[in-house]
């Protein structure tokens, strides 16, 4: 009988490299934007040695991958990651801004 030290949380943990950003971005847009992301992929290499670069349009903003990739799938995942992280950073910044406005307003009324 083999003994293993695998715990349940290790079985279900997803390594960061395996996060499917296209899925995450699509779920976000379905809930918040109501229009799915639109991808455009261009081969900047040769047929025997492709180099794909991708763009994605999300809610009127366009994002482009920084590098080229050997497959369309990798290029689209990379640009989806960029878009997803940019969108979430904007959301976080807006939330923080709103918190500061509420705190400022409360302090103003307390000092009045």
Protein backbone atom coordinates (compact mmCIF):
# COMPACT_ATOMS: atom_id res chain seq x y z
CA UNK A 1 0.00 0.00 0.00
CA UNK A 2 1.39 3.39 -1.04
CA UNK A 3 1.32 6.27 1.36
CA UNK A 4 0.80 9.73 -0.11
CA UNK A 5 0.95 13.12 1.53
CA UNK A 6 -1.58 14.73 -0.79
CA UNK A 7 -4.10 16.92 0.94
CA UNK A 8 -7.47 17.82 -0.53
CA UNK A 9 -6.61 21.45 -1.11
CA UNK A 10 -3.57 20.44 -3.18
CA UNK A 11 -5.77 18.40 -5.50
CA UNK A 12 -7.99 21.34 -6.37
CA UNK A 13 -5.52 24.22 -6.35
CA UNK A 14 -4.92 25.72 -9.78
CA UNK A 15 -1.37 26.88 -10.43
CA UNK A 16 -1.25 30.54 -11.57
CA UNK A 17 0.10 29.55 -14.99
CA UNK A 18 -3.06 27.52 -15.67
CA UNK A 19 -5.60 30.27 -15.03
CA UNK A 20 -7.76 30.55 -18.12
CA UNK A 21 -7.91 34.31 -18.53
CA UNK A 22 -10.15 34.10 -21.60
CA UNK A 23 -12.75 32.37 -19.44
CA UNK A 24 -12.30 34.86 -16.60
CA UNK A 25 -12.62 37.81 -18.99
CA UNK A 26 -15.70 36.32 -20.64
CA UNK A 27 -17.38 35.71 -17.27
CA UNK A 28 -16.62 39.29 -16.22
CA UNK A 29 -18.04 40.76 -19.44
CA UNK A 30 -21.18 38.61 -19.26
CA UNK A 31 -21.89 39.88 -15.75
CA UNK A 32 -20.82 43.51 -16.09
CA UNK A 33 -20.60 44.64 -19.71
CA UNK A 34 -23.19 42.45 -21.44
CA UNK A 35 -21.05 42.33 -24.60
CA UNK A 36 -18.48 39.57 -25.06
CA UNK A 37 -14.83 40.37 -25.77
CA UNK A 38 -13.87 40.55 -29.45
CA UNK A 39 -10.48 39.02 -30.31
CA UNK A 40 -8.31 39.77 -33.32
CA UNK A 41 -5.21 37.65 -33.93
CA UNK A 42 -2.53 38.41 -36.52
CA UNK A 43 0.37 36.19 -37.65
CA UNK A 44 3.50 38.36 -37.79
CA UNK A 45 5.73 35.40 -38.66
CA UNK A 46 5.94 32.86 -41.45
CA UNK A 47 3.67 29.87 -42.14
CA UNK A 48 6.43 27.50 -40.98
CA UNK A 49 7.29 29.67 -37.92
CA UNK A 50 4.18 31.61 -36.85
CA UNK A 51 4.34 34.50 -34.39
CA UNK A 52 0.87 35.51 -33.26
CA UNK A 53 -0.06 38.81 -31.65
CA UNK A 54 -3.57 39.36 -30.33
CA UNK A 55 -5.84 42.29 -29.55
CA UNK A 56 -9.08 42.23 -27.62
CA UNK A 57 -11.87 44.80 -27.50
CA UNK A 58 -13.70 45.02 -24.18
CA UNK A 59 -16.35 47.65 -23.48
CA UNK A 60 -14.83 50.12 -25.95
CA UNK A 61 -11.23 49.65 -24.76
CA UNK A 62 -8.65 47.81 -26.85
CA UNK A 63 -5.82 45.79 -25.33
CA UNK A 64 -2.85 44.31 -27.22
CA UNK A 65 -0.41 41.55 -26.29
CA UNK A 66 3.12 42.76 -25.62
CA UNK A 67 4.86 39.80 -27.24
CA UNK A 68 4.26 37.31 -30.01
CA UNK A 69 3.37 33.67 -29.38
CA UNK A 70 3.69 30.42 -31.34
CA UNK A 71 -0.07 29.71 -31.20
CA UNK A 72 -3.25 31.77 -31.47
CA UNK A 73 -4.46 30.27 -28.20
CA UNK A 74 -1.39 31.48 -26.29
CA UNK A 75 -1.64 34.95 -27.83
CA UNK A 76 -5.33 35.25 -26.92
CA UNK A 77 -4.70 34.00 -23.37
CA UNK A 78 -1.92 36.58 -22.96
CA UNK A 79 -4.04 39.49 -24.16
CA UNK A 80 -7.00 38.30 -22.08
CA UNK A 81 -4.73 38.35 -19.01
CA UNK A 82 -3.65 41.92 -19.80
CA UNK A 83 -7.25 43.08 -20.28
CA UNK A 84 -8.55 41.24 -17.21
CA UNK A 85 -5.83 42.64 -14.95
CA UNK A 86 -6.21 46.18 -16.33
CA UNK A 87 -9.97 46.12 -15.84
CA UNK A 88 -9.67 44.82 -12.29
CA UNK A 89 -7.03 47.42 -11.42
CA UNK A 90 -9.40 50.15 -12.67
CA UNK A 91 -12.22 48.68 -10.59
CA UNK A 92 -10.01 48.52 -7.50
CA UNK A 93 -8.87 52.12 -8.05
CA UNK A 94 -12.50 53.30 -8.34
CA UNK A 95 -13.46 51.42 -5.17
CA UNK A 96 -10.57 53.00 -3.24
CA UNK A 97 -11.46 56.45 -4.59
CA UNK A 98 -15.06 55.99 -3.44
CA UNK A 99 -13.91 54.92 0.04
CA UNK A 100 -11.78 58.06 0.38
CA UNK A 101 -14.71 60.25 -0.70
CA UNK A 102 -16.97 58.65 1.93
CA UNK A 103 -14.32 59.06 4.65
CA UNK A 104 -13.71 62.69 3.64
CA UNK A 105 -17.45 63.44 3.68
CA UNK A 106 -17.86 61.84 7.12
CA UNK A 107 -14.89 63.77 8.52
CA UNK A 108 -16.26 67.00 7.04
CA UNK A 109 -19.65 66.54 8.73
CA UNK A 110 -18.07 65.53 12.04
CA UNK A 111 -15.92 68.67 12.05
CA UNK A 112 -18.81 70.97 11.11
